[in-house]
Amino acid sequence: MKHAEASGRRHVCPVWVGYLLASPVRKLLQNPRKILAPHVTAGMQVLDVGCAMGFFSLPLARLVGPDGRVICVDLQQKMLDVLQRRARRKGLADRIETRPCGPDSLGIADLAGRIDFALAFAVVHEVADASRLFSELNAALKPQGRLLLAEPKGHVSKNAFERTLAAAQACGFTAAESPKMFRSRAAVLARRPDTGTVPDPAQL
């Protein structure tokens, strides 16, 4: 997704930053497999929100295997184009679907109740309407689905992260785990049993 409201202007992460985010050096500090393996198994349908050039998308594709699928969503088509090229080089293109989203919606209404696991890594603090984002993600998840939420400590204070968790809880989530990650504030969120009371994202 990679967008935010600041001083009345919408900020979009420059494409060149995507190359830094996808750098192999980053794996030394944030190992994708170590972060994702506890939550993702073969055959799953996974959603990667704000995927950029696929730092997490490609490892997710390996974890879901040939019978699984990773839907990768980002605001910028150029990010998705690079991700597609990387997936083809790694022989993972058949497991990855890329989707450009709009500035105000993920555009995933067709995925309602189909997603086993969703990832929102360093995304929510850049989104203008976190409540809408969480409502869309909640609607996309299966009843036992999970959302891994992570925000960078350098950009998101402890209090701000707690407000983010409160917004998620208001949209039908409950905190299930608090994993430790390098320079990140993280939580694994589960859908509440009463999630049917969450507003329809299309009506927001």
C-alpha atoms as a PDB file:
ATOM      1  CA  MET A   1       0.000   0.000   0.000  1.00  0.00           C
ATOM      2  CA  LYS A   2       2.708   2.424   1.135  1.00  0.00           C
ATOM      3  CA  HIS A   3       0.865   5.701   1.496  1.00  0.00           C
ATOM      4  CA  ALA A   4       0.075   8.219   4.200  1.00  0.00           C
ATOM      5  CA  GLU A   5      -1.420  11.595   4.955  1.00  0.00           C
ATOM      6  CA  ALA A   6       1.027  14.245   6.206  1.00  0.00           C
ATOM      7  CA  SER A   7       0.386  17.978   6.260  1.00  0.00           C
ATOM      8  CA  GLY A   8      -2.509  17.472   3.871  1.00  0.00           C
ATOM      9  CA  ARG A   9      -0.335  15.696   1.296  1.00  0.00           C
ATOM     10  CA  ARG A  10      -0.200  12.018   0.490  1.00  0.00           C
ATOM     11  CA  HIS A  11       3.276  10.493   0.769  1.00  0.00           C
ATOM     12  CA  VAL A  12       4.209   7.545  -1.434  1.00  0.00           C
ATOM     13  CA  CYS A  13       7.319   5.526  -0.699  1.00  0.00           C
ATOM     14  CA  PRO A  14       9.831   6.129  -3.549  1.00  0.00           C
ATOM     15  CA  VAL A  15      10.457   3.111  -5.746  1.00  0.00           C
ATOM     16  CA  TRP A  16      14.196   3.238  -5.030  1.00  0.00           C
ATOM     17  CA  VAL A  17      13.449   2.559  -1.361  1.00  0.00           C
ATOM     18  CA  GLY A  18      11.883  -0.728  -2.473  1.00  0.00           C
ATOM     19  CA  TYR A  19      15.317  -1.937  -3.571  1.00  0.00           C
ATOM     20  CA  LEU A  20      16.704  -1.199  -0.115  1.00  0.00           C
ATOM     21  CA  LEU A  21      13.808  -3.023   1.535  1.00  0.00           C
ATOM     22  CA  ALA A  22      14.429  -6.075  -0.646  1.00  0.00           C
ATOM     23  CA  SER A  23      18.182  -6.111   0.017  1.00  0.00           C
ATOM     24  CA  PRO A  24      19.687  -9.474   1.049  1.00  0.00           C
ATOM     25  CA  VAL A  25      21.534  -7.631   3.831  1.00  0.00           C
ATOM     26  CA  ARG A  26      18.208  -7.038   5.531  1.00  0.00           C
ATOM     27  CA  LYS A  27      17.842 -10.782   6.035  1.00  0.00           C
ATOM     28  CA  LEU A  28      20.662 -10.649   8.583  1.00  0.00           C
ATOM     29  CA  LEU A  29      18.458  -8.510  10.832  1.00  0.00           C
ATOM     30  CA  GLN A  30      14.962  -9.620   9.843  1.00  0.00           C
ATOM     31  CA  ASN A  31      15.009 -13.184   8.589  1.00  0.00           C
ATOM     32  CA  PRO A  32      11.742 -13.705   6.664  1.00  0.00           C
ATOM     33  CA  ARG A  33      11.607 -17.454   7.160  1.00  0.00           C
ATOM     34  CA  LYS A  34      12.192 -17.181  10.900  1.00  0.00           C
ATOM     35  CA  ILE A  35       9.459 -14.541  11.173  1.00  0.00           C
ATOM     36  CA  LEU A  36       6.916 -16.303   8.968  1.00  0.00           C
ATOM     37  CA  ALA A  37       7.449 -20.054   9.415  1.00  0.00           C
ATOM     38  CA  PRO A  38       5.583 -20.249  12.764  1.00  0.00           C
ATOM     39  CA  HIS A  39       2.442 -18.968  11.033  1.00  0.00           C
ATOM     40  CA  VAL A  40       2.491 -20.250   7.448  1.00  0.00           C
ATOM     41  CA  THR A  41       2.236 -23.830   6.197  1.00  0.00           C
ATOM     42  CA  ALA A  42       1.911 -25.537   2.821  1.00  0.00           C
ATOM     43  CA  GLY A  43      -1.330 -24.993   0.950  1.00  0.00           C
ATOM     44  CA  MET A  44      -2.284 -21.735   2.670  1.00  0.00           C
ATOM     45  CA  GLN A  45      -3.817 -18.698   0.987  1.00  0.00           C
ATOM     46  CA  VAL A  46      -1.752 -15.722   2.166  1.00  0.00           C
ATOM     47  CA  LEU A  47      -2.147 -11.963   1.766  1.00  0.00           C
ATOM     48  CA  ASP A  48       0.926  -9.678   1.782  1.00  0.00           C
ATOM     49  CA  VAL A  49      -0.195  -6.059   2.219  1.00  0.00           C
ATOM     50  CA  GLY A  50       2.231  -3.343   1.150  1.00  0.00           C
ATOM     51  CA  CYS A  51       4.458  -6.019  -0.351  1.00  0.00           C
ATOM     52  CA  ALA A  52       6.784  -3.602  -2.207  1.00  0.00           C
ATOM     53  CA  MET A  53       9.324  -5.724  -4.143  1.00  0.00           C
ATOM     54  CA  GLY A  54       8.668  -8.915  -2.240  1.00  0.00           C
ATOM     55  CA  PHE A  55      11.090  -9.171   0.679  1.00  0.00           C
ATOM     56  CA  PHE A  56       8.461 -11.270   2.453  1.00  0.00           C
ATOM     57  CA  SER A  57       6.440 -12.337  -0.597  1.00  0.00           C
ATOM     58  CA  LEU A  58       9.011 -14.724  -2.051  1.00  0.00           C
ATOM     59  CA  PRO A  59       9.685 -16.516   1.268  1.00  0.00           C
ATOM     60  CA  LEU A  60       5.912 -16.742   1.743  1.00  0.00           C
ATOM     61  CA  ALA A  61       5.614 -18.372  -1.691  1.00  0.00           C
ATOM     62  CA  ARG A  62       8.179 -20.984  -0.684  1.00  0.00           C
ATOM     63  CA  LEU A  63       6.349 -21.684   2.575  1.00  0.00           C
ATOM     64  CA  VAL A  64       2.905 -22.148   0.994  1.00  0.00           C
ATOM     65  CA  GLY A  65       4.324 -24.522  -1.612  1.00  0.00           C
ATOM     66  CA  PRO A  66       2.894 -25.373  -5.040  1.00  0.00           C
ATOM     67  CA  ASP A  67      -0.635 -25.804  -3.695  1.00  0.00           C
ATOM     68  CA  GLY A  68      -0.716 -22.452  -1.895  1.00  0.00           C
ATOM     69  CA  ARG A  69      -0.991 -18.894  -3.100  1.00  0.00           C
ATOM     70  CA  VAL A  70       0.327 -15.480  -2.057  1.00  0.00           C
ATOM     71  CA  ILE A  71      -1.701 -12.416  -3.016  1.00  0.00           C
ATOM     72  CA  CYS A  72       0.595  -9.375  -3.008  1.00  0.00           C
ATOM     73  CA  VAL A  73      -0.964  -5.912  -2.776  1.00  0.00           C
ATOM     74  CA  ASP A  74       0.775  -2.579  -3.203  1.00  0.00           C
ATOM     75  CA  LEU A  75      -0.136   0.961  -4.205  1.00  0.00           C
ATOM     76  CA  GLN A  76       2.635   1.187  -6.805  1.00  0.00           C
ATOM     77  CA  GLN A  77       2.591  -0.866  -9.981  1.00  0.00           C
ATOM     78  CA  LYS A  78       6.369  -0.406 -10.400  1.00  0.00           C
ATOM     79  CA  MET A  79       6.934  -2.233  -7.104  1.00  0.00           C
ATOM     80  CA  LEU A  80       4.697  -5.055  -8.299  1.00  0.00           C
ATOM     81  CA  ASP A  81       6.467  -5.239 -11.663  1.00  0.00           C
ATOM     82  CA  VAL A  82       9.816  -5.791  -9.936  1.00  0.00           C
ATOM     83  CA  LEU A  83       8.236  -8.384  -7.647  1.00  0.00           C
ATOM     84  CA  GLN A  84       6.878 -10.269 -10.653  1.00  0.00           C
ATOM     85  CA  ARG A  85      10.322 -10.317 -12.297  1.00  0.00           C
ATOM     86  CA  ARG A  86      11.940 -11.565  -9.093  1.00  0.00           C
ATOM     87  CA  ALA A  87       9.290 -14.266  -8.720  1.00  0.00           C
ATOM     88  CA  ARG A  88       9.866 -15.477 -12.287  1.00  0.00           C
ATOM     89  CA  ARG A  89      13.630 -15.671 -11.735  1.00  0.00           C
ATOM     90  CA  LYS A  90      13.067 -17.758  -8.589  1.00  0.00           C
ATOM     91  CA  GLY A  91      10.520 -20.050 -10.241  1.00  0.00           C
ATOM     92  CA  LEU A  92       7.748 -18.865  -7.914  1.00  0.00           C
ATOM     93  CA  ALA A  93       5.553 -16.863 -10.290  1.00  0.00           C
ATOM     94  CA  ASP A  94       2.810 -19.491 -10.372  1.00  0.00           C
ATOM     95  CA  ARG A  95       2.290 -19.107  -6.605  1.00  0.00           C
ATOM     96  CA  ILE A  96       2.152 -15.313  -6.555  1.00  0.00           C
ATOM     97  CA  GLU A  97      -0.638 -12.988  -7.625  1.00  0.00           C
ATOM     98  CA  THR A  98       0.052  -9.246  -7.679  1.00  0.00           C
ATOM     99  CA  ARG A  99      -2.641  -6.605  -7.277  1.00  0.00           C
ATOM    100  CA  PRO A 100      -2.388  -2.820  -7.345  1.00  0.00           C
ATOM    101  CA  CYS A 101      -4.589  -1.209  -4.702  1.00  0.00           C
ATOM    102  CA  GLY A 102      -6.132   2.228  -4.533  1.00  0.00           C
ATOM    103  CA  PRO A 103      -5.199   4.952  -2.041  1.00  0.00           C
ATOM    104  CA  ASP A 104      -8.323   4.319   0.024  1.00  0.00           C
ATOM    105  CA  SER A 105      -8.931   0.568  -0.266  1.00  0.00           C
ATOM    106  CA  LEU A 106      -7.066  -2.698  -0.709  1.00  0.00           C
ATOM    107  CA  GLY A 107      -9.622  -3.828  -3.278  1.00  0.00           C
ATOM    108  CA  ILE A 108      -9.868  -7.337  -1.831  1.00  0.00           C
ATOM    109  CA  ALA A 109     -13.633  -7.728  -1.393  1.00  0.00           C
ATOM    110  CA  ASP A 110     -13.477 -10.856  -3.586  1.00  0.00           C
ATOM    111  CA  LEU A 111     -11.197 -12.526  -1.026  1.00  0.00           C
ATOM    112  CA  ALA A 112     -13.779 -12.446   1.787  1.00  0.00           C
ATOM    113  CA  GLY A 113     -13.326 -15.439   4.085  1.00  0.00           C
ATOM    114  CA  ARG A 114     -10.580 -16.982   1.924  1.00  0.00           C
ATOM    115  CA  ILE A 115      -7.305 -15.910   3.572  1.00  0.00           C
ATOM    116  CA  ASP A 116      -5.481 -18.079   6.121  1.00  0.00           C
ATOM    117  CA  PHE A 117      -2.786 -15.570   7.004  1.00  0.00           C
ATOM    118  CA  ALA A 118      -2.195 -11.881   6.319  1.00  0.00           C
ATOM    119  CA  LEU A 119       0.967  -9.848   6.752  1.00  0.00           C
ATOM    120  CA  ALA A 120       1.080  -6.084   7.300  1.00  0.00           C
ATOM    121  CA  PHE A 121       4.750  -5.264   7.889  1.00  0.00           C
ATOM    122  CA  ALA A 122       5.638  -1.568   8.314  1.00  0.00           C
ATOM    123  CA  VAL A 123       2.414  -0.589   6.568  1.00  0.00           C
ATOM    124  CA  VAL A 124      -0.220   0.672   8.998  1.00  0.00           C
ATOM    125  CA  HIS A 125       1.648   3.822  10.055  1.00  0.00           C
ATOM    126  CA  GLU A 126       1.676   4.874   6.384  1.00  0.00           C
ATOM    127  CA  VAL A 127      -2.057   4.403   5.866  1.00  0.00           C
ATOM    128  CA  ALA A 128      -4.488   7.304   6.189  1.00  0.00           C
ATOM    129  CA  ASP A 129      -7.398   5.169   7.476  1.00  0.00           C
ATOM    130  CA  ALA A 130      -6.196   2.284   9.648  1.00  0.00           C
ATOM    131  CA  SER A 131      -9.749   1.319  10.630  1.00  0.00           C
ATOM    132  CA  ARG A 132     -10.720   0.708   7.027  1.00  0.00           C
ATOM    133  CA  LEU A 133      -7.553  -1.331   6.481  1.00  0.00           C
ATOM    134  CA  PHE A 134      -8.258  -3.525   9.507  1.00  0.00           C
ATOM    135  CA  SER A 135     -11.904  -3.973   8.517  1.00  0.00           C
ATOM    136  CA  GLU A 136     -10.893  -5.132   5.037  1.00  0.00           C
ATOM    137  CA  LEU A 137      -8.313  -7.534   6.446  1.00  0.00           C
ATOM    138  CA  ASN A 138     -10.762  -8.925   8.991  1.00  0.00           C
ATOM    139  CA  ALA A 139     -13.314  -9.577   6.264  1.00  0.00           C
ATOM    140  CA  ALA A 140     -10.714 -11.355   4.097  1.00  0.00           C
ATOM    141  CA  LEU A 141      -9.571 -13.776   6.801  1.00  0.00           C
ATOM    142  CA  LYS A 142     -11.041 -17.190   7.456  1.00  0.00           C
ATOM    143  CA  PRO A 143     -12.574 -17.682  10.942  1.00  0.00           C
ATOM    144  CA  GLN A 144      -9.277 -19.097  12.233  1.00  0.00           C
ATOM    145  CA  GLY A 145      -7.114 -16.763  10.168  1.00  0.00           C
ATOM    146  CA  ARG A 146      -4.303 -14.684  11.628  1.00  0.00           C
ATOM    147  CA  LEU A 147      -2.826 -11.262  10.906  1.00  0.00           C
ATOM    148  CA  LEU A 148       0.821 -10.532  11.672  1.00  0.00           C
ATOM    149  CA  LEU A 149       1.167  -6.821  12.318  1.00  0.00           C
ATOM    150  CA  ALA A 150       4.602  -5.218  12.662  1.00  0.00           C
ATOM    151  CA  GLU A 151       5.614  -1.577  12.826  1.00  0.00           C
ATOM    152  CA  PRO A 152       9.127  -0.027  12.917  1.00  0.00           C
ATOM    153  CA  LYS A 153      10.166   1.314  16.310  1.00  0.00           C
ATOM    154  CA  GLY A 154      11.925   4.214  14.629  1.00  0.00           C
ATOM    155  CA  HIS A 155       8.628   5.509  13.240  1.00  0.00           C
ATOM    156  CA  VAL A 156       6.036   4.176  15.675  1.00  0.00           C
ATOM    157  CA  SER A 157       6.175   4.829  19.412  1.00  0.00           C
ATOM    158  CA  LYS A 158       4.890   2.387  21.998  1.00  0.00           C
ATOM    159  CA  ASN A 159       1.823   4.554  22.577  1.00  0.00           C
ATOM    160  CA  ALA A 160       1.159   4.854  18.850  1.00  0.00           C
ATOM    161  CA  PHE A 161       1.393   1.082  18.464  1.00  0.00           C
ATOM    162  CA  GLU A 162      -1.048   0.616  21.308  1.00  0.00           C
ATOM    163  CA  ARG A 163      -3.452   2.948  19.506  1.00  0.00           C
ATOM    164  CA  THR A 164      -3.009   0.859  16.379  1.00  0.00           C
ATOM    165  CA  LEU A 165      -3.856  -2.293  18.332  1.00  0.00           C
ATOM    166  CA  ALA A 166      -6.918  -0.560  19.747  1.00  0.00           C
ATOM    167  CA  ALA A 167      -8.033   0.305  16.212  1.00  0.00           C
ATOM    168  CA  ALA A 168      -7.579  -3.333  15.184  1.00  0.00           C
ATOM    169  CA  GLN A 169      -9.571  -4.535  18.184  1.00  0.00           C
ATOM    170  CA  ALA A 170     -12.397  -2.142  17.299  1.00  0.00           C
ATOM    171  CA  CYS A 171     -12.501  -3.806  13.878  1.00  0.00           C
ATOM    172  CA  GLY A 172     -12.913  -7.356  15.170  1.00  0.00           C
ATOM    173  CA  PHE A 173      -9.400  -8.464  16.123  1.00  0.00           C
ATOM    174  CA  THR A 174      -7.904  -9.653  19.370  1.00  0.00           C
ATOM    175  CA  ALA A 175      -4.201  -9.943  20.235  1.00  0.00           C
ATOM    176  CA  ALA A 176      -3.042 -13.572  20.273  1.00  0.00           C
ATOM    177  CA  GLU A 177       0.762 -13.245  20.469  1.00  0.00           C
ATOM    178  CA  SER A 178       3.496 -10.629  20.848  1.00  0.00           C
ATOM    179  CA  PRO A 179       6.489 -11.933  18.856  1.00  0.00           C
ATOM    180  CA  LYS A 180       9.911 -10.345  19.242  1.00  0.00           C
ATOM    181  CA  MET A 181      11.417  -8.787  16.122  1.00  0.00           C
ATOM    182  CA  PHE A 182      14.458  -6.629  15.474  1.00  0.00           C
ATOM    183  CA  ARG A 183      13.578  -2.936  15.847  1.00  0.00           C
ATOM    184  CA  SER A 184       9.892  -3.701  15.438  1.00  0.00           C
ATOM    185  CA  ARG A 185       6.739  -3.672  17.510  1.00  0.00           C
ATOM    186  CA  ALA A 186       4.727  -6.727  16.554  1.00  0.00           C
ATOM    187  CA  ALA A 187       1.549  -8.613  17.328  1.00  0.00           C
ATOM    188  CA  VAL A 188      -0.277 -11.615  15.924  1.00  0.00           C
ATOM    189  CA  LEU A 189      -3.973 -10.799  15.748  1.00  0.00           C
ATOM    190  CA  ALA A 190      -6.871 -13.266  15.583  1.00  0.00           C
ATOM    191  CA  ARG A 191     -10.450 -12.673  14.529  1.00  0.00           C
ATOM    192  CA  ARG A 192     -12.870 -12.439  17.434  1.00  0.00           C
ATOM    193  CA  PRO A 193     -15.760 -14.932  17.497  1.00  0.00           C
ATOM    194  CA  ASP A 194     -18.165 -11.986  17.226  1.00  0.00           C
ATOM    195  CA  THR A 195     -16.405 -10.699  14.132  1.00  0.00           C
ATOM    196  CA  GLY A 196     -19.688 -10.668  12.290  1.00  0.00           C
ATOM    197  CA  THR A 197     -20.380  -7.332  13.973  1.00  0.00           C
ATOM    198  CA  VAL A 198     -17.488  -5.680  12.112  1.00  0.00           C
ATOM    199  CA  PRO A 199     -18.703  -3.033   9.642  1.00  0.00           C
ATOM    200  CA  ASP A 200     -18.729  -4.012   5.975  1.00  0.00           C
ATOM    201  CA  PRO A 201     -15.651  -2.287   4.438  1.00  0.00           C
ATOM    202  CA  ALA A 202     -17.765  -1.393   1.395  1.00  0.00           C
ATOM    203  CA  GLN A 203     -19.937   0.743   3.641  1.00  0.00           C
ATOM    204  CA  LEU A 204     -17.054   2.668   5.233  1.00  0.00           C
END
